[in-house]
Each structure stands twice: as C-alpha cells, then as structure tokens.
C-alpha cells in the first residue's frame, strides 16, 4: 500500500524531504504559502496546495487526518510552527513530525506532546524519508547503490522463529547483521532489576528472534521494505 505524507513548509529541508519521499514511491502533498516554492516542486510530488498552515480552516478538508503522517518543516518561523502544530492536533492528525532549529524549540515541542522532532540537514531529509517508508524502522544509514543499513523493530510474524526457519537472506536477499536485545539484569548489590540492551553478535541459523528485539539489517531498500512488510 502506498504511504501518504504531507510536508508543510518548502524551504531547503522541506523540499528535499518531499522530493525524497516521492522518489521512493510515497504519495506526497506539498503545502506552502509561497507560490514560487510550490511551482519549483509541483512536478516532483503528487499534490501541491497553497495555503496558510497556521489556520485550521485552511488545513481542514486536505485529508491530513487520514495520512500516514504530516511533517511540519516551516523553518525559522517558530511561531508559525507552533500554530501549525496546534491546528494539526485539533484535527487529530495521528502522526506529527516537526522540525526544530534549536534545543529550546525542541524542548517546547516536547512539552506540547510532540515525540518526533528532527534537527534537519539535507542528509537528514534522506534518512527521514527512508525511515518513514519502512515499517518499524528506527534508524537508517544509506550506502551507495541503493544499499542501506537499517535498524528496525521485529515484525510480529518473526517472533519465536529461528533464522533457519525464516530464511531471510534466501527469501529477501537481506542480511541480518546483528540483534539488539533488552535483557533484565539484577541491580547493584543484587537489589531490584534493570533493563539493559545487549548486542548478540553475529546471528547463527539457530538464533531465535524474541519479542522486543531490534534487528540490524543490510540490503537494498526495496528488499528490506519487502521483509518488514511480511
């Protein structure tokens, strides 16, 4: 199923992100109040619209609450960012990702209940577009020739199965580099328990994947995407 995203604010970062998402197969709605910026990107995205994102009436009717996510990338006008975020929350948009340009802005957005905050560069736009299009993706690092190292939560269907049963490399042409696992350890002096993340090293065919595991995968983006959608 095609993922659908809206990008509000088409500065350098917003334009790069909208373009990256579109090039990777997403349906993108580009939003800005500047007609010149919209003209520059309209051929690269599915939809573009000129409106003031700080006004709820302008945003209503764009179907934002039905999208997989809305990215607020307005830029240096933090007041406009806050107003846009407030309107999106009023519309009950299910996933709001916001650009912050300073640590203070980041703290304010956190207090407003925004859990996905980015401090962008053009490279970050490529990484974010990759993570948005991969179900369960946590972090990614793009390499040459469309290859990616990606950290992702474990798909439900893999839990309790061994690598021999899953045949990840044979079925998807993807390599599982390692597994990060949360383990319960006793606290200092044997008192209480604490959660600690452990790297399991190089997995072997008998390795069983457990609930809560984080998988570190290597392969082509489209192959990893197919694996995470099983």
C-alpha atoms as a PDB file:
ATOM      1  CA  UNK A   1       0.000   0.000   0.000  1.00  0.00           C
ATOM      2  CA  UNK A   2       1.305   3.454  -0.947  1.00  0.00           C
ATOM      3  CA  UNK A   3       2.171   5.613   2.028  1.00  0.00           C
ATOM      4  CA  UNK A   4       0.771   9.134   2.100  1.00  0.00           C
ATOM      5  CA  UNK A   5       2.503  12.120   3.697  1.00  0.00           C
ATOM      6  CA  UNK A   6       2.059  15.875   3.795  1.00  0.00           C
ATOM      7  CA  UNK A   7       5.039  18.213   4.057  1.00  0.00           C
ATOM      8  CA  UNK A   8       4.241  21.693   5.365  1.00  0.00           C
ATOM      9  CA  UNK A   9       6.927  24.249   4.563  1.00  0.00           C
ATOM     10  CA  UNK A  10       9.029  24.001   1.417  1.00  0.00           C
ATOM     11  CA  UNK A  11      12.360  25.501   2.368  1.00  0.00           C
ATOM     12  CA  UNK A  12      15.574  23.585   1.618  1.00  0.00           C
ATOM     13  CA  UNK A  13      14.761  20.777   4.050  1.00  0.00           C
ATOM     14  CA  UNK A  14      11.032  20.509   3.327  1.00  0.00           C
ATOM     15  CA  UNK A  15      11.563  20.484  -0.430  1.00  0.00           C
ATOM     16  CA  UNK A  16      14.329  17.887  -0.158  1.00  0.00           C
ATOM     17  CA  UNK A  17      12.157  15.680   2.048  1.00  0.00           C
ATOM     18  CA  UNK A  18       9.096  15.949  -0.199  1.00  0.00           C
ATOM     19  CA  UNK A  19      11.239  15.104  -3.226  1.00  0.00           C
ATOM     20  CA  UNK A  20      12.927  12.143  -1.479  1.00  0.00           C
ATOM     21  CA  UNK A  21       9.604  10.707  -0.310  1.00  0.00           C
ATOM     22  CA  UNK A  22       8.136  10.988  -3.806  1.00  0.00           C
ATOM     23  CA  UNK A  23      11.168   9.391  -5.433  1.00  0.00           C
ATOM     24  CA  UNK A  24      10.772   6.421  -3.074  1.00  0.00           C
ATOM     25  CA  UNK A  25       7.150   5.830  -4.013  1.00  0.00           C
ATOM     26  CA  UNK A  26       5.166   7.819  -1.447  1.00  0.00           C
ATOM     27  CA  UNK A  27       2.176   9.981  -2.324  1.00  0.00           C
ATOM     28  CA  UNK A  28       3.146  13.460  -1.150  1.00  0.00           C
ATOM     29  CA  UNK A  29       1.048  16.562  -0.554  1.00  0.00           C
ATOM     30  CA  UNK A  30       3.320  19.634  -0.524  1.00  0.00           C
ATOM     31  CA  UNK A  31       1.952  22.658   1.376  1.00  0.00           C
ATOM     32  CA  UNK A  32       3.319  26.203   1.478  1.00  0.00           C
ATOM     33  CA  UNK A  33       2.018  29.759   1.377  1.00  0.00           C
ATOM     34  CA  UNK A  34       4.678  30.731  -1.180  1.00  0.00           C
ATOM     35  CA  UNK A  35       3.553  30.128  -4.763  1.00  0.00           C
ATOM     36  CA  UNK A  36       7.122  30.246  -6.122  1.00  0.00           C
ATOM     37  CA  UNK A  37       8.207  27.382  -3.849  1.00  0.00           C
ATOM     38  CA  UNK A  38       5.188  25.334  -4.891  1.00  0.00           C
ATOM     39  CA  UNK A  39       5.978  25.909  -8.574  1.00  0.00           C
ATOM     40  CA  UNK A  40       9.504  24.580  -8.030  1.00  0.00           C
ATOM     41  CA  UNK A  41       8.316  21.245  -6.619  1.00  0.00           C
ATOM     42  CA  UNK A  42       4.871  20.614  -8.109  1.00  0.00           C
ATOM     43  CA  UNK A  43       6.255  18.344 -10.853  1.00  0.00           C
ATOM     44  CA  UNK A  44       8.004  16.149  -8.261  1.00  0.00           C
ATOM     45  CA  UNK A  45       5.056  15.446  -5.947  1.00  0.00           C
ATOM     46  CA  UNK A  46       1.551  14.048  -6.354  1.00  0.00           C
ATOM     47  CA  UNK A  47      -0.232  17.130  -4.994  1.00  0.00           C
ATOM     48  CA  UNK A  48       0.631  20.678  -4.028  1.00  0.00           C
ATOM     49  CA  UNK A  49      -1.521  23.329  -2.432  1.00  0.00           C
ATOM     50  CA  UNK A  50      -1.042  26.951  -1.448  1.00  0.00           C
ATOM     51  CA  UNK A  51      -2.440  27.733   1.986  1.00  0.00           C
ATOM     52  CA  UNK A  52      -1.649  29.181   5.401  1.00  0.00           C
ATOM     53  CA  UNK A  53      -0.930  26.196   7.651  1.00  0.00           C
ATOM     54  CA  UNK A  54      -1.485  28.286  10.776  1.00  0.00           C
ATOM     55  CA  UNK A  55      -5.228  28.436  10.050  1.00  0.00           C
ATOM     56  CA  UNK A  56      -7.338  25.408  10.907  1.00  0.00           C
ATOM     57  CA  UNK A  57      -9.978  26.259   8.307  1.00  0.00           C
ATOM     58  CA  UNK A  58      -7.334  26.240   5.581  1.00  0.00           C
ATOM     59  CA  UNK A  59      -5.991  22.847   6.683  1.00  0.00           C
ATOM     60  CA  UNK A  60      -9.404  21.263   7.149  1.00  0.00           C
ATOM     61  CA  UNK A  61     -10.515  19.405   4.059  1.00  0.00           C
ATOM     62  CA  UNK A  62      -6.997  18.416   2.975  1.00  0.00           C
ATOM     63  CA  UNK A  63      -7.432  14.907   4.426  1.00  0.00           C
ATOM     64  CA  UNK A  64      -4.428  15.286   6.729  1.00  0.00           C
ATOM     65  CA  UNK A  65      -6.003  13.178   9.476  1.00  0.00           C
ATOM     66  CA  UNK A  66      -6.130  10.229   7.060  1.00  0.00           C
ATOM     67  CA  UNK A  67      -2.463  10.381   6.070  1.00  0.00           C
ATOM     68  CA  UNK A  68       0.367   8.274   7.445  1.00  0.00           C
ATOM     69  CA  UNK A  69       1.993  11.405   8.771  1.00  0.00           C
ATOM     70  CA  UNK A  70       2.386  15.174   8.467  1.00  0.00           C
ATOM     71  CA  UNK A  71       5.839  16.755   8.620  1.00  0.00           C
ATOM     72  CA  UNK A  72       5.998  20.395   9.740  1.00  0.00           C
ATOM     73  CA  UNK A  73       9.156  21.834   8.174  1.00  0.00           C
ATOM     74  CA  UNK A  74       8.279  25.522   8.207  1.00  0.00           C
ATOM     75  CA  UNK A  75      11.787  26.637   9.149  1.00  0.00           C
ATOM     76  CA  UNK A  76      12.899  29.646  11.173  1.00  0.00           C
ATOM     77  CA  UNK A  77       9.406  30.998  11.938  1.00  0.00           C
ATOM     78  CA  UNK A  78       8.883  29.073  15.159  1.00  0.00           C
ATOM     79  CA  UNK A  79       5.639  30.878  15.985  1.00  0.00           C
ATOM     80  CA  UNK A  80       4.174  29.603  12.706  1.00  0.00           C
ATOM     81  CA  UNK A  81       5.442  26.111  13.558  1.00  0.00           C
ATOM     82  CA  UNK A  82       3.658  26.179  16.921  1.00  0.00           C
ATOM     83  CA  UNK A  83       0.417  27.412  15.363  1.00  0.00           C
ATOM     84  CA  UNK A  84       0.556  24.745  12.653  1.00  0.00           C
ATOM     85  CA  UNK A  85       1.218  22.025  15.230  1.00  0.00           C
ATOM     86  CA  UNK A  86      -1.726  23.249  17.298  1.00  0.00           C
ATOM     87  CA  UNK A  87      -4.038  23.100  14.271  1.00  0.00           C
ATOM     88  CA  UNK A  88      -2.863  19.595  13.371  1.00  0.00           C
ATOM     89  CA  UNK A  89      -3.513  18.432  16.919  1.00  0.00           C
ATOM     90  CA  UNK A  90      -7.009  19.922  16.714  1.00  0.00           C
ATOM     91  CA  UNK A  91      -7.559  17.933  13.516  1.00  0.00           C
ATOM     92  CA  UNK A  92      -6.362  14.808  15.370  1.00  0.00           C
ATOM     93  CA  UNK A  93      -3.626  14.033  12.842  1.00  0.00           C
ATOM     94  CA  UNK A  94      -2.299  10.664  14.002  1.00  0.00           C
ATOM     95  CA  UNK A  95       1.420  11.279  13.384  1.00  0.00           C
ATOM     96  CA  UNK A  96       3.033  14.715  13.544  1.00  0.00           C
ATOM     97  CA  UNK A  97       6.765  15.130  12.879  1.00  0.00           C
ATOM     98  CA  UNK A  98       8.195  18.590  13.490  1.00  0.00           C
ATOM     99  CA  UNK A  99      11.375  20.388  12.528  1.00  0.00           C
ATOM    100  CA  UNK A 100      13.119  22.232  15.355  1.00  0.00           C
ATOM    101  CA  UNK A 101      16.049  24.549  14.758  1.00  0.00           C
ATOM    102  CA  UNK A 102      17.276  24.978  18.352  1.00  0.00           C
ATOM    103  CA  UNK A 103      17.338  22.878  21.545  1.00  0.00           C
ATOM    104  CA  UNK A 104      14.919  25.362  23.144  1.00  0.00           C
ATOM    105  CA  UNK A 105      12.419  24.805  20.338  1.00  0.00           C
ATOM    106  CA  UNK A 106      12.854  21.081  20.793  1.00  0.00           C
ATOM    107  CA  UNK A 107      12.009  21.315  24.495  1.00  0.00           C
ATOM    108  CA  UNK A 108       8.921  23.429  23.821  1.00  0.00           C
ATOM    109  CA  UNK A 109       7.643  20.954  21.226  1.00  0.00           C
ATOM    110  CA  UNK A 110       8.243  18.094  23.640  1.00  0.00           C
ATOM    111  CA  UNK A 111       6.092  19.856  26.243  1.00  0.00           C
ATOM    112  CA  UNK A 112       3.364  20.127  23.606  1.00  0.00           C
ATOM    113  CA  UNK A 113       3.348  16.354  23.283  1.00  0.00           C
ATOM    114  CA  UNK A 114       5.351  16.052  20.065  1.00  0.00           C
ATOM    115  CA  UNK A 115       7.507  12.950  20.303  1.00  0.00           C
ATOM    116  CA  UNK A 116       9.052  13.035  16.799  1.00  0.00           C
ATOM    117  CA  UNK A 117      11.305  16.074  16.469  1.00  0.00           C
ATOM    118  CA  UNK A 118      14.100  16.464  13.932  1.00  0.00           C
ATOM    119  CA  UNK A 119      17.060  18.835  13.699  1.00  0.00           C
ATOM    120  CA  UNK A 120      17.478  18.771   9.934  1.00  0.00           C
ATOM    121  CA  UNK A 121      20.149  18.870   7.289  1.00  0.00           C
ATOM    122  CA  UNK A 122      19.725  17.795   3.672  1.00  0.00           C
ATOM    123  CA  UNK A 123      21.242  14.443   4.596  1.00  0.00           C
ATOM    124  CA  UNK A 124      18.665  14.144   7.376  1.00  0.00           C
ATOM    125  CA  UNK A 125      15.896  14.555   4.796  1.00  0.00           C
ATOM    126  CA  UNK A 126      17.114  11.434   3.005  1.00  0.00           C
ATOM    127  CA  UNK A 127      17.373   9.462   6.252  1.00  0.00           C
ATOM    128  CA  UNK A 128      13.924  10.577   7.424  1.00  0.00           C
ATOM    129  CA  UNK A 129      12.315   9.703   4.087  1.00  0.00           C
ATOM    130  CA  UNK A 130      13.792   6.215   4.350  1.00  0.00           C
ATOM    131  CA  UNK A 131      12.597   5.644   7.911  1.00  0.00           C
ATOM    132  CA  UNK A 132       9.084   6.921   7.112  1.00  0.00           C
ATOM    133  CA  UNK A 133       8.675   4.423   4.299  1.00  0.00           C
ATOM    134  CA  UNK A 134       9.975   1.397   6.233  1.00  0.00           C
ATOM    135  CA  UNK A 135       7.511  -0.129   8.693  1.00  0.00           C
ATOM    136  CA  UNK A 136       9.122  -0.304  12.128  1.00  0.00           C
ATOM    137  CA  UNK A 137      12.308   1.499  11.067  1.00  0.00           C
ATOM    138  CA  UNK A 138      14.224   3.179  13.906  1.00  0.00           C
ATOM    139  CA  UNK A 139      17.458   4.368  12.272  1.00  0.00           C
ATOM    140  CA  UNK A 140      18.999   4.027   8.840  1.00  0.00           C
ATOM    141  CA  UNK A 141      22.308   4.709   7.121  1.00  0.00           C
ATOM    142  CA  UNK A 142      22.243   4.869   3.323  1.00  0.00           C
ATOM    143  CA  UNK A 143      25.160   3.498   1.351  1.00  0.00           C
ATOM    144  CA  UNK A 144      25.996   3.646  -2.346  1.00  0.00           C
ATOM    145  CA  UNK A 145      23.963   1.805  -4.999  1.00  0.00           C
ATOM    146  CA  UNK A 146      20.665   1.856  -3.039  1.00  0.00           C
ATOM    147  CA  UNK A 147      22.061  -0.258  -0.189  1.00  0.00           C
ATOM    148  CA  UNK A 148      21.092   0.599   3.379  1.00  0.00           C
ATOM    149  CA  UNK A 149      21.923  -0.451   6.923  1.00  0.00           C
ATOM    150  CA  UNK A 150      18.664  -0.161   8.836  1.00  0.00           C
ATOM    151  CA  UNK A 151      17.691  -0.691  12.462  1.00  0.00           C
ATOM    152  CA  UNK A 152      14.081  -1.862  12.871  1.00  0.00           C
ATOM    153  CA  UNK A 153      11.651  -3.354  15.337  1.00  0.00           C
ATOM    154  CA  UNK A 154      10.860  -7.033  14.781  1.00  0.00           C
ATOM    155  CA  UNK A 155       7.791  -7.825  12.647  1.00  0.00           C
ATOM    156  CA  UNK A 156       5.216  -9.818  14.631  1.00  0.00           C
ATOM    157  CA  UNK A 157       5.363 -12.833  12.300  1.00  0.00           C
ATOM    158  CA  UNK A 158       9.082 -13.376  13.033  1.00  0.00           C
ATOM    159  CA  UNK A 159       8.760 -13.639  16.818  1.00  0.00           C
ATOM    160  CA  UNK A 160       9.622 -17.060  18.194  1.00  0.00           C
ATOM    161  CA  UNK A 161      11.212 -18.316  14.967  1.00  0.00           C
ATOM    162  CA  UNK A 162      14.825 -19.176  14.221  1.00  0.00           C
ATOM    163  CA  UNK A 163      16.814 -17.652  11.397  1.00  0.00           C
ATOM    164  CA  UNK A 164      16.910 -21.084   9.793  1.00  0.00           C
ATOM    165  CA  UNK A 165      13.117 -21.112   9.704  1.00  0.00           C
ATOM    166  CA  UNK A 166      12.838 -17.544   8.452  1.00  0.00           C
ATOM    167  CA  UNK A 167      15.405 -17.870   5.626  1.00  0.00           C
ATOM    168  CA  UNK A 168      15.764 -14.081   5.494  1.00  0.00           C
ATOM    169  CA  UNK A 169      18.717 -13.998   3.111  1.00  0.00           C
ATOM    170  CA  UNK A 170      17.251 -16.611   0.756  1.00  0.00           C
ATOM    171  CA  UNK A 171      13.736 -15.136   0.642  1.00  0.00           C
ATOM    172  CA  UNK A 172      14.504 -11.413   0.682  1.00  0.00           C
ATOM    173  CA  UNK A 173      18.203 -11.004  -0.244  1.00  0.00           C
ATOM    174  CA  UNK A 174      18.690  -9.190   3.075  1.00  0.00           C
ATOM    175  CA  UNK A 175      21.369  -9.891   5.689  1.00  0.00           C
ATOM    176  CA  UNK A 176      20.709  -9.736   9.424  1.00  0.00           C
ATOM    177  CA  UNK A 177      23.905  -8.177  10.782  1.00  0.00           C
ATOM    178  CA  UNK A 178      23.075  -8.453  14.466  1.00  0.00           C
ATOM    179  CA  UNK A 179      20.280  -8.280  17.047  1.00  0.00           C
ATOM    180  CA  UNK A 180      19.921  -5.799  19.890  1.00  0.00           C
ATOM    181  CA  UNK A 181      18.016  -7.405  22.774  1.00  0.00           C
ATOM    182  CA  UNK A 182      16.665  -5.989  26.017  1.00  0.00           C
ATOM    183  CA  UNK A 183      17.527  -8.172  28.986  1.00  0.00           C
ATOM    184  CA  UNK A 184      16.581  -7.969  32.632  1.00  0.00           C
ATOM    185  CA  UNK A 185      19.611  -7.743  34.924  1.00  0.00           C
ATOM    186  CA  UNK A 186      19.827  -7.509  38.697  1.00  0.00           C
ATOM    187  CA  UNK A 187      20.647  -4.074  40.036  1.00  0.00           C
ATOM    188  CA  UNK A 188      23.663  -3.193  42.096  1.00  0.00           C
ATOM    189  CA  UNK A 189      24.211  -5.418  45.133  1.00  0.00           C
ATOM    190  CA  UNK A 190      21.575  -7.786  43.738  1.00  0.00           C
ATOM    191  CA  UNK A 191      18.738  -5.366  44.513  1.00  0.00           C
ATOM    192  CA  UNK A 192      15.867  -4.946  42.064  1.00  0.00           C
ATOM    193  CA  UNK A 193      16.084  -5.328  38.318  1.00  0.00           C
ATOM    194  CA  UNK A 194      17.123  -3.094  35.466  1.00  0.00           C
ATOM    195  CA  UNK A 195      16.726  -3.334  31.706  1.00  0.00           C
ATOM    196  CA  UNK A 196      19.918  -3.451  29.690  1.00  0.00           C
ATOM    197  CA  UNK A 197      20.369  -3.597  25.931  1.00  0.00           C
ATOM    198  CA  UNK A 198      22.756  -6.286  24.703  1.00  0.00           C
ATOM    199  CA  UNK A 199      24.233  -6.839  21.254  1.00  0.00           C
ATOM    200  CA  UNK A 200      24.065 -10.561  20.448  1.00  0.00           C
ATOM    201  CA  UNK A 201      26.906 -10.537  17.954  1.00  0.00           C
ATOM    202  CA  UNK A 202      26.684 -12.292  14.596  1.00  0.00           C
ATOM    203  CA  UNK A 203      23.454 -14.348  14.477  1.00  0.00           C
ATOM    204  CA  UNK A 204      23.617 -18.049  13.565  1.00  0.00           C
ATOM    205  CA  UNK A 205      20.892 -20.230  11.989  1.00  0.00           C
ATOM    206  CA  UNK A 206      19.752 -21.433  15.436  1.00  0.00           C
ATOM    207  CA  UNK A 207      19.274 -17.879  16.774  1.00  0.00           C
ATOM    208  CA  UNK A 208      15.659 -17.325  17.810  1.00  0.00           C
ATOM    209  CA  UNK A 209      14.102 -13.896  17.418  1.00  0.00           C
ATOM    210  CA  UNK A 210      12.284 -12.665  20.513  1.00  0.00           C
ATOM    211  CA  UNK A 211       9.644 -10.031  21.147  1.00  0.00           C
ATOM    212  CA  UNK A 212      11.254  -6.621  21.660  1.00  0.00           C
ATOM    213  CA  UNK A 213      14.335  -7.456  19.573  1.00  0.00           C
ATOM    214  CA  UNK A 214      15.778  -4.741  17.353  1.00  0.00           C
ATOM    215  CA  UNK A 215      17.076  -6.073  14.032  1.00  0.00           C
ATOM    216  CA  UNK A 216      20.054  -4.516  12.246  1.00  0.00           C
ATOM    217  CA  UNK A 217      19.590  -5.275   8.551  1.00  0.00           C
ATOM    218  CA  UNK A 218      21.689  -4.785   5.436  1.00  0.00           C
ATOM    219  CA  UNK A 219      20.413  -4.855   1.878  1.00  0.00           C
ATOM    220  CA  UNK A 220      18.738  -2.889  -0.887  1.00  0.00           C
ATOM    221  CA  UNK A 221      15.999  -0.559   0.303  1.00  0.00           C
ATOM    222  CA  UNK A 222      13.231  -2.287  -1.667  1.00  0.00           C
ATOM    223  CA  UNK A 223      14.257  -5.715  -0.345  1.00  0.00           C
ATOM    224  CA  UNK A 224      14.299  -4.537   3.284  1.00  0.00           C
ATOM    225  CA  UNK A 225      10.927  -2.897   2.734  1.00  0.00           C
ATOM    226  CA  UNK A 226       9.524  -6.214   1.490  1.00  0.00           C
ATOM    227  CA  UNK A 227      10.940  -8.018   4.528  1.00  0.00           C
ATOM    228  CA  UNK A 228       9.436  -5.601   7.038  1.00  0.00           C
ATOM    229  CA  UNK A 229       6.023  -5.848   5.405  1.00  0.00           C
ATOM    230  CA  UNK A 230       5.646  -9.617   5.837  1.00  0.00           C
END
